[in-house]
Amino acid sequence: MTTYDVLVVGGGAAGLSAALTLARARRRVLVVDAGEPRNAPAAGVHGFLTRDGVPPAELLAAGRAEVRGYGGEIVEGTVTALAPGFAATLADGSTVGARAVLVTTGVVDELPDIDGLRERWGRDVLHCPYCHGHEVRDRALGVLATGPLAVHHALLIRQWSADVTLFLNDAVEPTDEEWERLAARGIGVVAGRVAGVVVADDRLTGVRLADGTVVAREAVFTAGFVRATDGLLAALGVETADVEMGGTAIATRVVTDPTGRTSVPGVWAAGNVAEPMTQVVTAAAAGMWAAAQINAELVTQDTDAALAARREHRVTLSAAP
């Protein structure tokens, strides 16, 4: 079994940034990536200084090349099991060892069960206005309610367009004050359950209600539940928690301290798996920061081992006749 200083599980922005930092620190690092990035459907990555608008696949390809340029190893695959110690089993049956593990497996977006929604995800069915708002500015936008935070979401989207409609979707009933705030910002409200989205010529053109009514819209924002991809860590007993906003659970995450360290020694997490609301640029920063902390811990371990060996050598010499 080949043993590495650090095994990075997940090769998105956080994982590759971490691997780059570790490789530059002359650590032997392996990245195992399944090749299924969350942002694959998007046309471009936004808000990433000097890389704004770059296609996600292009950004990852450049990152892989940089990691490999410093001697880091990257394999396409899936880690199916992680045992204390750490021994990782891959889907192909191979096993690798590591002194430390960094998990950057991201999250899964659980969308409402509405016809056509998943197929348009990341294109004209969107979630984050900071990622996609500028690209749909001044268009006819919809906000599909999934819970009590929908009014806040609609008010936020109003920053990018004066033509915003909130679809209540039987998921929320605004308070009197919320109704007033929506009216003050000129946000339309449509009651009734949403059945699907309407698409023509590979473009979203409307939202279809259960009664057959179609409301013309060019893009729809919605906030599905965001679930951390943390199954790999369950066997190790890593602590997880819900993320709440306004008293409502909106996501799950792996619990870490500010360095990225989890509740299990030697296991670290960074990116969306630890902070579900983080964006590409902040995920990359989190990966770099966690990698620096991991290297510092390994330096301490290396120094402790060297010191113990030195002291043992002295004891041996002093005991010699």
C-alpha atoms as a PDB file:
ATOM      1  CA  MET A   1       0.000   0.000   0.000  1.00  0.00           C
ATOM      2  CA  THR A   2       1.395   3.360  -1.036  1.00  0.00           C
ATOM      3  CA  THR A   3       1.409   5.883   1.791  1.00  0.00           C
ATOM      4  CA  TYR A   4       1.154   9.642   1.303  1.00  0.00           C
ATOM      5  CA  ASP A   5       1.616  12.533   3.657  1.00  0.00           C
ATOM      6  CA  VAL A   6      -1.873  13.776   2.797  1.00  0.00           C
ATOM      7  CA  LEU A   7      -4.836  12.273   0.978  1.00  0.00           C
ATOM      8  CA  VAL A   8      -7.208  14.881  -0.460  1.00  0.00           C
ATOM      9  CA  VAL A   9     -10.660  13.486  -1.205  1.00  0.00           C
ATOM     10  CA  GLY A  10     -12.308  15.709  -3.793  1.00  0.00           C
ATOM     11  CA  GLY A  11     -10.663  17.702  -6.557  1.00  0.00           C
ATOM     12  CA  GLY A  12     -12.671  20.913  -6.775  1.00  0.00           C
ATOM     13  CA  ALA A  13     -11.375  24.375  -5.965  1.00  0.00           C
ATOM     14  CA  ALA A  14     -10.794  23.579  -2.277  1.00  0.00           C
ATOM     15  CA  GLY A  15      -9.107  20.234  -2.909  1.00  0.00           C
ATOM     16  CA  LEU A  16      -6.828  21.421  -5.695  1.00  0.00           C
ATOM     17  CA  SER A  17      -5.866  24.573  -3.816  1.00  0.00           C
ATOM     18  CA  ALA A  18      -4.946  22.451  -0.812  1.00  0.00           C
ATOM     19  CA  ALA A  19      -2.985  19.993  -2.944  1.00  0.00           C
ATOM     20  CA  LEU A  20      -1.076  22.844  -4.593  1.00  0.00           C
ATOM     21  CA  THR A  21      -0.094  24.275  -1.215  1.00  0.00           C
ATOM     22  CA  LEU A  22       0.955  20.867   0.119  1.00  0.00           C
ATOM     23  CA  ALA A  23       2.945  19.973  -2.987  1.00  0.00           C
ATOM     24  CA  ARG A  24       4.779  23.295  -2.784  1.00  0.00           C
ATOM     25  CA  ALA A  25       5.535  22.419   0.837  1.00  0.00           C
ATOM     26  CA  ARG A  26       7.253  19.283  -0.496  1.00  0.00           C
ATOM     27  CA  ARG A  27       4.589  16.960   0.869  1.00  0.00           C
ATOM     28  CA  ARG A  28       3.631  13.799  -0.944  1.00  0.00           C
ATOM     29  CA  VAL A  29      -0.020  14.419  -1.745  1.00  0.00           C
ATOM     30  CA  LEU A  30      -2.677  12.431  -3.592  1.00  0.00           C
ATOM     31  CA  VAL A  31      -5.967  13.874  -4.835  1.00  0.00           C
ATOM     32  CA  VAL A  32      -8.792  11.426  -5.557  1.00  0.00           C
ATOM     33  CA  ASP A  33     -11.581  13.065  -7.534  1.00  0.00           C
ATOM     34  CA  ALA A  34     -14.788  11.602  -8.972  1.00  0.00           C
ATOM     35  CA  GLY A  35     -15.010  14.282 -11.676  1.00  0.00           C
ATOM     36  CA  GLU A  36     -18.513  15.453 -10.713  1.00  0.00           C
ATOM     37  CA  PRO A  37     -18.202  19.130  -9.728  1.00  0.00           C
ATOM     38  CA  ARG A  38     -21.308  20.838  -8.373  1.00  0.00           C
ATOM     39  CA  ASN A  39     -20.941  23.763 -10.764  1.00  0.00           C
ATOM     40  CA  ALA A  40     -20.482  21.672 -13.921  1.00  0.00           C
ATOM     41  CA  PRO A  41     -23.734  22.941 -15.562  1.00  0.00           C
ATOM     42  CA  ALA A  42     -22.735  26.600 -15.143  1.00  0.00           C
ATOM     43  CA  ALA A  43     -21.294  28.525 -18.074  1.00  0.00           C
ATOM     44  CA  GLY A  44     -18.722  30.264 -15.933  1.00  0.00           C
ATOM     45  CA  VAL A  45     -17.279  30.800 -12.466  1.00  0.00           C
ATOM     46  CA  HIS A  46     -17.971  34.298 -11.157  1.00  0.00           C
ATOM     47  CA  GLY A  47     -16.574  36.473  -8.394  1.00  0.00           C
ATOM     48  CA  PHE A  48     -13.142  34.832  -8.658  1.00  0.00           C
ATOM     49  CA  LEU A  49     -10.662  37.684  -9.043  1.00  0.00           C
ATOM     50  CA  THR A  50      -8.726  37.423 -12.364  1.00  0.00           C
ATOM     51  CA  ARG A  51     -10.756  34.328 -13.324  1.00  0.00           C
ATOM     52  CA  ASP A  52     -14.254  35.796 -13.557  1.00  0.00           C
ATOM     53  CA  GLY A  53     -16.300  33.988 -16.204  1.00  0.00           C
ATOM     54  CA  VAL A  54     -13.882  31.107 -16.747  1.00  0.00           C
ATOM     55  CA  PRO A  55     -15.716  27.828 -17.503  1.00  0.00           C
ATOM     56  CA  PRO A  56     -15.617  25.488 -14.465  1.00  0.00           C
ATOM     57  CA  ALA A  57     -13.908  22.685 -16.402  1.00  0.00           C
ATOM     58  CA  GLU A  58     -11.207  25.069 -17.613  1.00  0.00           C
ATOM     59  CA  LEU A  59     -10.504  26.300 -14.084  1.00  0.00           C
ATOM     60  CA  LEU A  60     -10.168  22.726 -12.796  1.00  0.00           C
ATOM     61  CA  ALA A  61      -7.925  21.689 -15.689  1.00  0.00           C
ATOM     62  CA  ALA A  62      -5.587  24.583 -14.941  1.00  0.00           C
ATOM     63  CA  GLY A  63      -5.583  23.664 -11.268  1.00  0.00           C
ATOM     64  CA  ARG A  64      -4.745  20.031 -11.958  1.00  0.00           C
ATOM     65  CA  ALA A  65      -1.854  21.067 -14.189  1.00  0.00           C
ATOM     66  CA  GLU A  66      -0.454  23.312 -11.459  1.00  0.00           C
ATOM     67  CA  VAL A  67      -0.686  20.576  -8.820  1.00  0.00           C
ATOM     68  CA  ARG A  68       1.010  18.042 -11.067  1.00  0.00           C
ATOM     69  CA  GLY A  69       3.681  20.610 -11.934  1.00  0.00           C
ATOM     70  CA  TYR A  70       4.826  20.494  -8.306  1.00  0.00           C
ATOM     71  CA  GLY A  71       4.738  16.704  -8.101  1.00  0.00           C
ATOM     72  CA  GLY A  72       1.253  16.246  -6.679  1.00  0.00           C
ATOM     73  CA  GLU A  73      -0.637  13.165  -7.838  1.00  0.00           C
ATOM     74  CA  ILE A  74      -4.245  13.186  -9.053  1.00  0.00           C
ATOM     75  CA  VAL A  75      -6.342  10.135  -9.859  1.00  0.00           C
ATOM     76  CA  GLU A  76      -9.893   9.928 -11.127  1.00  0.00           C
ATOM     77  CA  GLY A  77     -11.924   7.747  -8.831  1.00  0.00           C
ATOM     78  CA  THR A  78     -13.985   7.520  -5.687  1.00  0.00           C
ATOM     79  CA  VAL A  79     -12.946   6.780  -2.128  1.00  0.00           C
ATOM     80  CA  THR A  80     -15.479   4.243  -0.887  1.00  0.00           C
ATOM     81  CA  ALA A  81     -14.143   3.675   2.633  1.00  0.00           C
ATOM     82  CA  LEU A  82     -11.854   5.428   5.058  1.00  0.00           C
ATOM     83  CA  ALA A  83     -10.453   3.551   8.036  1.00  0.00           C
ATOM     84  CA  PRO A  84      -8.670   4.942  11.104  1.00  0.00           C
ATOM     85  CA  GLY A  85      -5.030   5.185  10.525  1.00  0.00           C
ATOM     86  CA  PHE A  86      -5.691   6.218   7.660  1.00  0.00           C
ATOM     87  CA  ALA A  87      -6.300   3.603   4.974  1.00  0.00           C
ATOM     88  CA  ALA A  88      -8.540   4.587   2.085  1.00  0.00           C
ATOM     89  CA  THR A  89     -10.193   2.109  -0.252  1.00  0.00           C
ATOM     90  CA  LEU A  90     -11.001   3.262  -3.780  1.00  0.00           C
ATOM     91  CA  ALA A  91     -13.829   2.053  -5.995  1.00  0.00           C
ATOM     92  CA  ASP A  92     -11.362   0.070  -8.117  1.00  0.00           C
ATOM     93  CA  GLY A  93     -10.335  -1.934  -5.057  1.00  0.00           C
ATOM     94  CA  SER A  94      -6.958  -0.282  -4.557  1.00  0.00           C
ATOM     95  CA  THR A  95      -5.870   0.979  -1.148  1.00  0.00           C
ATOM     96  CA  VAL A  96      -3.726   3.953  -0.186  1.00  0.00           C
ATOM     97  CA  GLY A  97      -2.490   5.150   3.170  1.00  0.00           C
ATOM     98  CA  ALA A  98      -2.056   8.677   4.490  1.00  0.00           C
ATOM     99  CA  ARG A  99      -0.834  10.452   7.591  1.00  0.00           C
ATOM    100  CA  ALA A 100      -3.635  13.008   7.268  1.00  0.00           C
ATOM    101  CA  VAL A 101      -6.841  13.279   5.261  1.00  0.00           C
ATOM    102  CA  LEU A 102      -8.485  16.406   3.884  1.00  0.00           C
ATOM    103  CA  VAL A 103     -12.088  15.967   2.719  1.00  0.00           C
ATOM    104  CA  THR A 104     -13.340  18.478   0.132  1.00  0.00           C
ATOM    105  CA  THR A 105     -16.251  16.480  -1.297  1.00  0.00           C
ATOM    106  CA  GLY A 106     -18.668  19.407  -1.448  1.00  0.00           C
ATOM    107  CA  VAL A 107     -22.445  19.273  -1.244  1.00  0.00           C
ATOM    108  CA  VAL A 108     -25.541  18.029  -3.053  1.00  0.00           C
ATOM    109  CA  ASP A 109     -28.412  20.392  -3.876  1.00  0.00           C
ATOM    110  CA  GLU A 110     -31.772  18.829  -3.016  1.00  0.00           C
ATOM    111  CA  LEU A 111     -34.220  20.622  -5.293  1.00  0.00           C
ATOM    112  CA  PRO A 112     -38.016  20.692  -5.123  1.00  0.00           C
ATOM    113  CA  ASP A 113     -39.693  17.887  -7.058  1.00  0.00           C
ATOM    114  CA  ILE A 114     -40.915  20.095  -9.894  1.00  0.00           C
ATOM    115  CA  ASP A 115     -41.005  19.098 -13.545  1.00  0.00           C
ATOM    116  CA  GLY A 116     -37.969  20.319 -15.475  1.00  0.00           C
ATOM    117  CA  LEU A 117     -36.275  22.060 -12.568  1.00  0.00           C
ATOM    118  CA  ARG A 118     -33.277  19.743 -12.228  1.00  0.00           C
ATOM    119  CA  GLU A 119     -32.615  19.763 -15.981  1.00  0.00           C
ATOM    120  CA  ARG A 120     -32.250  23.576 -15.974  1.00  0.00           C
ATOM    121  CA  TRP A 121     -30.169  23.695 -12.783  1.00  0.00           C
ATOM    122  CA  GLY A 122     -27.135  25.963 -13.099  1.00  0.00           C
ATOM    123  CA  ARG A 123     -28.349  27.375 -16.412  1.00  0.00           C
ATOM    124  CA  ASP A 124     -31.550  29.369 -15.892  1.00  0.00           C
ATOM    125  CA  VAL A 125     -32.681  27.734 -12.644  1.00  0.00           C
ATOM    126  CA  LEU A 126     -30.268  29.265 -10.175  1.00  0.00           C
ATOM    127  CA  HIS A 127     -29.559  29.616  -6.474  1.00  0.00           C
ATOM    128  CA  CYS A 128     -26.911  32.259  -5.717  1.00  0.00           C
ATOM    129  CA  PRO A 129     -27.348  35.809  -7.026  1.00  0.00           C
ATOM    130  CA  TYR A 130     -23.685  36.564  -6.397  1.00  0.00           C
ATOM    131  CA  CYS A 131     -22.781  33.696  -8.724  1.00  0.00           C
ATOM    132  CA  HIS A 132     -25.428  34.293 -11.401  1.00  0.00           C
ATOM    133  CA  GLY A 133     -27.335  37.523 -10.729  1.00  0.00           C
ATOM    134  CA  HIS A 134     -25.339  39.766 -13.048  1.00  0.00           C
ATOM    135  CA  GLU A 135     -25.815  37.380 -15.966  1.00  0.00           C
ATOM    136  CA  VAL A 136     -29.632  37.626 -15.684  1.00  0.00           C
ATOM    137  CA  ARG A 137     -29.818  41.275 -14.673  1.00  0.00           C
ATOM    138  CA  ASP A 138     -32.873  43.275 -15.764  1.00  0.00           C
ATOM    139  CA  ARG A 139     -34.685  40.151 -16.948  1.00  0.00           C
ATOM    140  CA  ALA A 140     -38.025  38.736 -15.840  1.00  0.00           C
ATOM    141  CA  LEU A 141     -36.993  36.696 -12.815  1.00  0.00           C
ATOM    142  CA  GLY A 142     -38.862  34.313 -10.551  1.00  0.00           C
ATOM    143  CA  VAL A 143     -38.165  33.169  -7.020  1.00  0.00           C
ATOM    144  CA  LEU A 144     -39.553  29.734  -6.193  1.00  0.00           C
ATOM    145  CA  ALA A 145     -40.377  29.447  -2.505  1.00  0.00           C
ATOM    146  CA  THR A 146     -39.215  26.365  -0.625  1.00  0.00           C
ATOM    147  CA  GLY A 147     -39.612  27.681   2.927  1.00  0.00           C
ATOM    148  CA  PRO A 148     -39.838  30.712   5.202  1.00  0.00           C
ATOM    149  CA  LEU A 149     -36.698  32.351   3.814  1.00  0.00           C
ATOM    150  CA  ALA A 150     -38.300  32.847   0.393  1.00  0.00           C
ATOM    151  CA  VAL A 151     -39.304  36.449   1.065  1.00  0.00           C
ATOM    152  CA  HIS A 152     -35.723  37.304   2.017  1.00  0.00           C
ATOM    153  CA  HIS A 153     -34.541  35.560  -1.151  1.00  0.00           C
ATOM    154  CA  ALA A 154     -36.947  37.553  -3.326  1.00  0.00           C
ATOM    155  CA  LEU A 155     -35.902  40.849  -1.741  1.00  0.00           C
ATOM    156  CA  LEU A 156     -32.274  39.933  -2.392  1.00  0.00           C
ATOM    157  CA  ILE A 157     -32.900  39.064  -6.065  1.00  0.00           C
ATOM    158  CA  ARG A 158     -34.640  42.435  -6.489  1.00  0.00           C
ATOM    159  CA  GLN A 159     -31.156  44.006  -6.460  1.00  0.00           C
ATOM    160  CA  TRP A 160     -30.512  42.567  -9.925  1.00  0.00           C
ATOM    161  CA  SER A 161     -33.861  43.215 -11.613  1.00  0.00           C
ATOM    162  CA  ALA A 162     -36.962  45.366 -11.181  1.00  0.00           C
ATOM    163  CA  ASP A 163     -39.096  42.524 -12.582  1.00  0.00           C
ATOM    164  CA  VAL A 164     -39.228  39.883  -9.851  1.00  0.00           C
ATOM    165  CA  THR A 165     -42.093  37.517  -9.036  1.00  0.00           C
ATOM    166  CA  LEU A 166     -42.246  35.379  -5.915  1.00  0.00           C
ATOM    167  CA  PHE A 167     -44.016  32.026  -6.387  1.00  0.00           C
ATOM    168  CA  LEU A 168     -45.358  30.956  -2.988  1.00  0.00           C
ATOM    169  CA  ASN A 169     -45.667  27.311  -4.139  1.00  0.00           C
ATOM    170  CA  ASP A 170     -47.731  26.432  -1.048  1.00  0.00           C
ATOM    171  CA  ALA A 171     -44.450  26.638   0.887  1.00  0.00           C
ATOM    172  CA  VAL A 172     -44.797  29.963   2.684  1.00  0.00           C
ATOM    173  CA  GLU A 173     -47.376  32.536   3.720  1.00  0.00           C
ATOM    174  CA  PRO A 174     -45.775  35.973   4.137  1.00  0.00           C
ATOM    175  CA  THR A 175     -46.511  37.923   7.297  1.00  0.00           C
ATOM    176  CA  ASP A 176     -48.284  41.268   7.086  1.00  0.00           C
ATOM    177  CA  GLU A 177     -44.949  43.075   7.301  1.00  0.00           C
ATOM    178  CA  GLU A 178     -43.433  40.853   4.609  1.00  0.00           C
ATOM    179  CA  TRP A 179     -46.350  41.566   2.283  1.00  0.00           C
ATOM    180  CA  GLU A 180     -45.718  45.271   2.794  1.00  0.00           C
ATOM    181  CA  ARG A 181     -41.996  44.955   2.154  1.00  0.00           C
ATOM    182  CA  LEU A 182     -42.604  42.964  -1.041  1.00  0.00           C
ATOM    183  CA  ALA A 183     -45.062  45.610  -2.232  1.00  0.00           C
ATOM    184  CA  ALA A 184     -42.654  48.412  -1.378  1.00  0.00           C
ATOM    185  CA  ARG A 185     -40.061  46.857  -3.687  1.00  0.00           C
ATOM    186  CA  GLY A 186     -42.543  46.137  -6.459  1.00  0.00           C
ATOM    187  CA  ILE A 187     -42.180  42.358  -6.205  1.00  0.00           C
ATOM    188  CA  GLY A 188     -45.125  40.419  -7.593  1.00  0.00           C
ATOM    189  CA  VAL A 189     -46.502  37.438  -5.716  1.00  0.00           C
ATOM    190  CA  VAL A 190     -48.191  34.384  -7.240  1.00  0.00           C
ATOM    191  CA  ALA A 191     -50.088  31.943  -5.035  1.00  0.00           C
ATOM    192  CA  GLY A 192     -50.600  28.259  -5.776  1.00  0.00           C
ATOM    193  CA  ARG A 193     -48.446  25.210  -6.261  1.00  0.00           C
ATOM    194  CA  VAL A 194     -45.831  25.259  -9.024  1.00  0.00           C
ATOM    195  CA  ALA A 195     -45.969  22.198 -11.273  1.00  0.00           C
ATOM    196  CA  GLY A 196     -43.073  22.827 -13.653  1.00  0.00           C
ATOM    197  CA  VAL A 197     -41.003  25.178 -15.738  1.00  0.00           C
ATOM    198  CA  VAL A 198     -41.667  25.866 -19.403  1.00  0.00           C
ATOM    199  CA  VAL A 199     -38.787  25.589 -21.869  1.00  0.00           C
ATOM    200  CA  ALA A 200     -38.618  26.601 -25.540  1.00  0.00           C
ATOM    201  CA  ASP A 201     -35.566  26.438 -27.808  1.00  0.00           C
ATOM    202  CA  ASP A 202     -33.468  25.335 -24.811  1.00  0.00           C
ATOM    203  CA  ARG A 203     -34.419  28.443 -22.822  1.00  0.00           C
ATOM    204  CA  LEU A 204     -36.635  28.787 -19.794  1.00  0.00           C
ATOM    205  CA  THR A 205     -39.646  30.880 -20.766  1.00  0.00           C
ATOM    206  CA  GLY A 206     -42.094  30.487 -17.901  1.00  0.00           C
ATOM    207  CA  VAL A 207     -43.310  28.880 -14.705  1.00  0.00           C
ATOM    208  CA  ARG A 208     -46.350  26.588 -14.906  1.00  0.00           C
ATOM    209  CA  LEU A 209     -48.747  26.373 -11.977  1.00  0.00           C
ATOM    210  CA  ALA A 210     -50.733  23.284 -11.047  1.00  0.00           C
ATOM    211  CA  ASP A 211     -53.899  24.856 -12.493  1.00  0.00           C
ATOM    212  CA  GLY A 212     -52.190  25.225 -15.889  1.00  0.00           C
ATOM    213  CA  THR A 213     -51.493  28.955 -15.657  1.00  0.00           C
ATOM    214  CA  VAL A 214     -48.111  29.926 -17.111  1.00  0.00           C
ATOM    215  CA  VAL A 215     -46.300  32.999 -15.813  1.00  0.00           C
ATOM    216  CA  ALA A 216     -43.628  34.237 -18.208  1.00  0.00           C
ATOM    217  CA  ARG A 217     -40.157  34.246 -16.635  1.00  0.00           C
ATOM    218  CA  GLU A 218     -36.647  34.075 -18.104  1.00  0.00           C
ATOM    219  CA  ALA A 219     -34.846  32.653 -15.072  1.00  0.00           C
ATOM    220  CA  VAL A 220     -35.838  31.261 -11.682  1.00  0.00           C
ATOM    221  CA  PHE A 221     -33.983  31.353  -8.387  1.00  0.00           C
ATOM    222  CA  THR A 222     -34.703  28.767  -5.721  1.00  0.00           C
ATOM    223  CA  ALA A 223     -33.050  27.622  -2.520  1.00  0.00           C
ATOM    224  CA  GLY A 224     -33.083  23.850  -2.204  1.00  0.00           C
ATOM    225  CA  PHE A 225     -31.709  22.095   0.858  1.00  0.00           C
ATOM    226  CA  VAL A 226     -27.918  21.816   0.646  1.00  0.00           C
ATOM    227  CA  ARG A 227     -26.589  18.526   2.019  1.00  0.00           C
ATOM    228  CA  ALA A 228     -22.907  17.956   2.760  1.00  0.00           C
ATOM    229  CA  THR A 229     -21.389  14.918   1.058  1.00  0.00           C
ATOM    230  CA  ASP A 230     -20.146  13.534   4.368  1.00  0.00           C
ATOM    231  CA  GLY A 231     -21.017   9.844   4.144  1.00  0.00           C
ATOM    232  CA  LEU A 232     -17.366   8.859   3.878  1.00  0.00           C
ATOM    233  CA  LEU A 233     -16.699  10.314   7.316  1.00  0.00           C
ATOM    234  CA  ALA A 234     -19.585   8.627   9.124  1.00  0.00           C
ATOM    235  CA  ALA A 235     -17.580   5.501   9.971  1.00  0.00           C
ATOM    236  CA  LEU A 236     -14.929   7.693  11.599  1.00  0.00           C
ATOM    237  CA  GLY A 237     -17.471   9.451  13.791  1.00  0.00           C
ATOM    238  CA  VAL A 238     -16.793  12.936  12.441  1.00  0.00           C
ATOM    239  CA  GLU A 239     -19.217  15.486  13.904  1.00  0.00           C
ATOM    240  CA  THR A 240     -21.795  17.043  11.581  1.00  0.00           C
ATOM    241  CA  ALA A 241     -24.454  19.686  12.162  1.00  0.00           C
ATOM    242  CA  ASP A 242     -27.315  21.569  10.560  1.00  0.00           C
ATOM    243  CA  VAL A 243     -26.833  25.085   9.223  1.00  0.00           C
ATOM    244  CA  GLU A 244     -29.675  27.357  10.239  1.00  0.00           C
ATOM    245  CA  MET A 245     -30.814  30.753   9.019  1.00  0.00           C
ATOM    246  CA  GLY A 246     -33.640  32.544  10.754  1.00  0.00           C
ATOM    247  CA  GLY A 247     -34.369  29.405  12.761  1.00  0.00           C
ATOM    248  CA  THR A 248     -34.725  27.257   9.621  1.00  0.00           C
ATOM    249  CA  ALA A 249     -32.340  24.445   8.694  1.00  0.00           C
ATOM    250  CA  ILE A 250     -31.043  25.156   5.199  1.00  0.00           C
ATOM    251  CA  ALA A 251     -28.058  22.804   4.980  1.00  0.00           C
ATOM    252  CA  THR A 252     -25.844  20.265   6.713  1.00  0.00           C
ATOM    253  CA  ARG A 253     -22.096  20.522   7.192  1.00  0.00           C
ATOM    254  CA  VAL A 254     -19.045  18.838   8.630  1.00  0.00           C
ATOM    255  CA  VAL A 255     -18.097  20.643  11.830  1.00  0.00           C
ATOM    256  CA  THR A 256     -14.567  22.087  11.815  1.00  0.00           C
ATOM    257  CA  ASP A 257     -12.561  24.524  13.876  1.00  0.00           C
ATOM    258  CA  PRO A 258     -11.133  27.662  12.181  1.00  0.00           C
ATOM    259  CA  THR A 259      -8.174  25.658  10.849  1.00  0.00           C
ATOM    260  CA  GLY A 260     -10.355  23.071   9.101  1.00  0.00           C
ATOM    261  CA  ARG A 261      -9.718  20.386  11.718  1.00  0.00           C
ATOM    262  CA  THR A 262     -12.691  18.061  12.348  1.00  0.00           C
ATOM    263  CA  SER A 263     -13.631  16.291  15.585  1.00  0.00           C
ATOM    264  CA  VAL A 264     -11.428  13.325  14.585  1.00  0.00           C
ATOM    265  CA  PRO A 265      -7.641  13.871  14.846  1.00  0.00           C
ATOM    266  CA  GLY A 266      -5.925  13.774  11.482  1.00  0.00           C
ATOM    267  CA  VAL A 267      -9.106  14.441   9.503  1.00  0.00           C
ATOM    268  CA  TRP A 268      -9.694  17.881   8.046  1.00  0.00           C
ATOM    269  CA  ALA A 269     -12.419  19.384   5.854  1.00  0.00           C
ATOM    270  CA  ALA A 270     -12.620  22.460   3.637  1.00  0.00           C
ATOM    271  CA  GLY A 271     -14.872  24.051   1.045  1.00  0.00           C
ATOM    272  CA  ASN A 272     -18.610  23.505   0.746  1.00  0.00           C
ATOM    273  CA  VAL A 273     -18.587  20.291   2.794  1.00  0.00           C
ATOM    274  CA  ALA A 274     -17.651  22.427   5.815  1.00  0.00           C
ATOM    275  CA  GLU A 275     -19.208  25.751   4.757  1.00  0.00           C
ATOM    276  CA  PRO A 276     -22.134  25.016   2.389  1.00  0.00           C
ATOM    277  CA  MET A 277     -22.672  28.673   1.417  1.00  0.00           C
ATOM    278  CA  THR A 278     -19.085  29.315   0.366  1.00  0.00           C
ATOM    279  CA  GLN A 279     -18.284  30.199  -3.255  1.00  0.00           C
ATOM    280  CA  VAL A 280     -15.479  28.983  -5.523  1.00  0.00           C
ATOM    281  CA  VAL A 281     -12.981  31.666  -4.555  1.00  0.00           C
ATOM    282  CA  THR A 282     -13.576  31.241  -0.827  1.00  0.00           C
ATOM    283  CA  ALA A 283     -13.504  27.453  -1.159  1.00  0.00           C
ATOM    284  CA  ALA A 284     -10.079  27.748  -2.770  1.00  0.00           C
ATOM    285  CA  ALA A 285      -8.923  29.990   0.082  1.00  0.00           C
ATOM    286  CA  ALA A 286     -10.259  27.527   2.670  1.00  0.00           C
ATOM    287  CA  GLY A 287      -8.369  24.685   0.994  1.00  0.00           C
ATOM    288  CA  MET A 288      -5.128  26.652   1.030  1.00  0.00           C
ATOM    289  CA  TRP A 289      -5.575  27.565   4.708  1.00  0.00           C
ATOM    290  CA  ALA A 290      -6.374  23.999   5.784  1.00  0.00           C
ATOM    291  CA  ALA A 291      -3.360  22.711   3.851  1.00  0.00           C
ATOM    292  CA  ALA A 292      -1.043  25.122   5.678  1.00  0.00           C
ATOM    293  CA  GLN A 293      -2.412  23.928   9.034  1.00  0.00           C
ATOM    294  CA  ILE A 294      -2.020  20.278   8.024  1.00  0.00           C
ATOM    295  CA  ASN A 295       1.580  20.856   6.992  1.00  0.00           C
ATOM    296  CA  ALA A 296       2.293  22.611  10.306  1.00  0.00           C
ATOM    297  CA  GLU A 297       0.901  19.634  12.204  1.00  0.00           C
ATOM    298  CA  LEU A 298       2.986  17.205  10.148  1.00  0.00           C
ATOM    299  CA  VAL A 299       6.079  19.346  10.814  1.00  0.00           C
ATOM    300  CA  THR A 300       5.385  18.993  14.541  1.00  0.00           C
ATOM    301  CA  GLN A 301       5.006  15.231  14.171  1.00  0.00           C
ATOM    302  CA  ASP A 302       8.240  15.015  12.171  1.00  0.00           C
ATOM    303  CA  THR A 303      10.077  17.085  14.764  1.00  0.00           C
ATOM    304  CA  ASP A 304       8.710  15.014  17.654  1.00  0.00           C
ATOM    305  CA  ALA A 305       9.853  11.823  15.908  1.00  0.00           C
ATOM    306  CA  ALA A 306      13.310  13.255  15.209  1.00  0.00           C
ATOM    307  CA  LEU A 307      13.644  14.435  18.812  1.00  0.00           C
ATOM    308  CA  ALA A 308      12.634  11.036  20.180  1.00  0.00           C
ATOM    309  CA  ALA A 309      15.154   9.325  17.906  1.00  0.00           C
ATOM    310  CA  ARG A 310      17.886  11.739  18.995  1.00  0.00           C
ATOM    311  CA  ARG A 311      17.185  11.151  22.652  1.00  0.00           C
ATOM    312  CA  GLU A 312      17.102   7.383  22.117  1.00  0.00           C
ATOM    313  CA  HIS A 313      20.454   7.617  20.352  1.00  0.00           C
ATOM    314  CA  ARG A 314      21.918   9.516  23.319  1.00  0.00           C
ATOM    315  CA  VAL A 315      20.585   6.913  25.738  1.00  0.00           C
ATOM    316  CA  THR A 316      22.112   4.149  23.638  1.00  0.00           C
ATOM    317  CA  LEU A 317      25.495   5.895  23.535  1.00  0.00           C
ATOM    318  CA  SER A 318      25.514   6.570  27.278  1.00  0.00           C
ATOM    319  CA  ALA A 319      24.728   2.915  27.988  1.00  0.00           C
ATOM    320  CA  ALA A 320      27.568   1.655  25.815  1.00  0.00           C
ATOM    321  CA  PRO A 321      30.531   0.082  27.766  1.00  0.00           C
END
